[in-house]
């Protein structure tokens, strides 16, 4: 399946969750969409990451995966899926 986007390698981004620093590795397109989603919801990236973190099953899903899935969920909702 061809794509108009060039291949993107994940990049580390620092976040603060509940007063503790952590990092997530996300592709630039996901990081940008995540920041836009936070802005749309009136939150900082740290606050949205904390909400996502609180709603995940930490034993089964990493934070980066949870962020990607939240971005996808938002996109699907906007597309009516």
C-alpha atoms as a PDB file:
ATOM      1  CA  UNK A   1       0.000   0.000   0.000  1.00  0.00           C
ATOM      2  CA  UNK A   2       1.799   3.180  -1.157  1.00  0.00           C
ATOM      3  CA  UNK A   3       1.941   6.185   1.110  1.00  0.00           C
ATOM      4  CA  UNK A   4       2.595   9.848   0.431  1.00  0.00           C
ATOM      5  CA  UNK A   5       4.386  10.109   3.782  1.00  0.00           C
ATOM      6  CA  UNK A   6       8.088   9.340   3.978  1.00  0.00           C
ATOM      7  CA  UNK A   7       9.030   6.585   6.438  1.00  0.00           C
ATOM      8  CA  UNK A   8       9.160   7.948   9.967  1.00  0.00           C
ATOM      9  CA  UNK A   9      11.240   6.535  12.774  1.00  0.00           C
ATOM     10  CA  UNK A  10       9.942   6.905  16.318  1.00  0.00           C
ATOM     11  CA  UNK A  11      11.526   9.710  18.313  1.00  0.00           C
ATOM     12  CA  UNK A  12      11.707   9.984  22.092  1.00  0.00           C
ATOM     13  CA  UNK A  13       9.605  12.669  23.745  1.00  0.00           C
ATOM     14  CA  UNK A  14       9.701  13.549  27.432  1.00  0.00           C
ATOM     15  CA  UNK A  15       6.525  13.794  29.470  1.00  0.00           C
ATOM     16  CA  UNK A  16       5.766  14.363  33.140  1.00  0.00           C
ATOM     17  CA  UNK A  17       3.097  12.084  34.588  1.00  0.00           C
ATOM     18  CA  UNK A  18       2.011  12.529  38.189  1.00  0.00           C
ATOM     19  CA  UNK A  19       5.239  14.425  38.947  1.00  0.00           C
ATOM     20  CA  UNK A  20       7.527  11.816  37.387  1.00  0.00           C
ATOM     21  CA  UNK A  21       9.449  12.213  34.133  1.00  0.00           C
ATOM     22  CA  UNK A  22       9.002   9.537  31.507  1.00  0.00           C
ATOM     23  CA  UNK A  23       9.550   9.265  27.808  1.00  0.00           C
ATOM     24  CA  UNK A  24       7.610   7.778  24.939  1.00  0.00           C
ATOM     25  CA  UNK A  25       8.811   6.920  21.464  1.00  0.00           C
ATOM     26  CA  UNK A  26       6.368   8.082  18.819  1.00  0.00           C
ATOM     27  CA  UNK A  27       6.596   8.713  15.127  1.00  0.00           C
ATOM     28  CA  UNK A  28       6.520  12.446  14.303  1.00  0.00           C
ATOM     29  CA  UNK A  29       3.036  12.201  12.749  1.00  0.00           C
ATOM     30  CA  UNK A  30       1.613  10.585  15.896  1.00  0.00           C
ATOM     31  CA  UNK A  31       3.362  13.103  18.166  1.00  0.00           C
ATOM     32  CA  UNK A  32       1.933  15.997  16.151  1.00  0.00           C
ATOM     33  CA  UNK A  33      -1.566  14.480  16.161  1.00  0.00           C
ATOM     34  CA  UNK A  34      -1.283  13.835  19.907  1.00  0.00           C
ATOM     35  CA  UNK A  35      -0.315  17.468  20.572  1.00  0.00           C
ATOM     36  CA  UNK A  36      -3.187  18.692  18.386  1.00  0.00           C
ATOM     37  CA  UNK A  37      -5.607  16.391  20.212  1.00  0.00           C
ATOM     38  CA  UNK A  38      -4.448  17.756  23.569  1.00  0.00           C
ATOM     39  CA  UNK A  39      -4.928  21.331  22.334  1.00  0.00           C
ATOM     40  CA  UNK A  40      -8.389  20.511  20.981  1.00  0.00           C
ATOM     41  CA  UNK A  41      -9.359  19.105  24.376  1.00  0.00           C
ATOM     42  CA  UNK A  42      -7.943  22.150  26.183  1.00  0.00           C
ATOM     43  CA  UNK A  43      -5.184  20.114  27.827  1.00  0.00           C
ATOM     44  CA  UNK A  44      -1.432  20.090  27.868  1.00  0.00           C
ATOM     45  CA  UNK A  45       0.317  17.083  26.356  1.00  0.00           C
ATOM     46  CA  UNK A  46       1.305  16.042  29.889  1.00  0.00           C
ATOM     47  CA  UNK A  47      -2.300  16.236  31.119  1.00  0.00           C
ATOM     48  CA  UNK A  48      -3.640  14.226  28.186  1.00  0.00           C
ATOM     49  CA  UNK A  49      -0.871  11.645  28.605  1.00  0.00           C
ATOM     50  CA  UNK A  50      -1.798  11.356  32.303  1.00  0.00           C
ATOM     51  CA  UNK A  51      -5.458  10.760  31.378  1.00  0.00           C
ATOM     52  CA  UNK A  52      -4.475   8.130  28.832  1.00  0.00           C
ATOM     53  CA  UNK A  53      -2.081   6.551  31.331  1.00  0.00           C
ATOM     54  CA  UNK A  54      -4.813   6.332  33.973  1.00  0.00           C
ATOM     55  CA  UNK A  55      -7.160   4.589  31.545  1.00  0.00           C
ATOM     56  CA  UNK A  56      -4.813   1.887  30.298  1.00  0.00           C
ATOM     57  CA  UNK A  57      -4.015  -1.549  31.603  1.00  0.00           C
ATOM     58  CA  UNK A  58      -0.327  -0.972  32.306  1.00  0.00           C
ATOM     59  CA  UNK A  59       0.466  -4.663  32.294  1.00  0.00           C
ATOM     60  CA  UNK A  60      -0.778  -5.183  28.741  1.00  0.00           C
ATOM     61  CA  UNK A  61      -0.195  -1.907  26.943  1.00  0.00           C
ATOM     62  CA  UNK A  62       2.668   0.552  26.815  1.00  0.00           C
ATOM     63  CA  UNK A  63       2.030   4.279  27.048  1.00  0.00           C
ATOM     64  CA  UNK A  64       3.172   4.935  23.463  1.00  0.00           C
ATOM     65  CA  UNK A  65       0.715   2.325  22.193  1.00  0.00           C
ATOM     66  CA  UNK A  66      -2.064   3.799  24.332  1.00  0.00           C
ATOM     67  CA  UNK A  67      -1.339   7.273  22.893  1.00  0.00           C
ATOM     68  CA  UNK A  68      -1.410   5.947  19.319  1.00  0.00           C
ATOM     69  CA  UNK A  69      -4.723   4.208  19.984  1.00  0.00           C
ATOM     70  CA  UNK A  70      -6.228   7.378  21.504  1.00  0.00           C
ATOM     71  CA  UNK A  71      -5.174   9.358  18.418  1.00  0.00           C
ATOM     72  CA  UNK A  72      -6.715   6.673  16.195  1.00  0.00           C
ATOM     73  CA  UNK A  73      -9.912   6.594  18.277  1.00  0.00           C
ATOM     74  CA  UNK A  74     -10.267  10.365  17.936  1.00  0.00           C
ATOM     75  CA  UNK A  75      -9.736  10.201  14.173  1.00  0.00           C
ATOM     76  CA  UNK A  76     -12.300   7.415  13.805  1.00  0.00           C
ATOM     77  CA  UNK A  77     -14.828   9.380  15.866  1.00  0.00           C
ATOM     78  CA  UNK A  78     -14.358  12.426  13.647  1.00  0.00           C
ATOM     79  CA  UNK A  79     -14.825  10.232  10.572  1.00  0.00           C
ATOM     80  CA  UNK A  80     -17.987   8.717  12.031  1.00  0.00           C
ATOM     81  CA  UNK A  81     -16.648   5.195  12.389  1.00  0.00           C
END
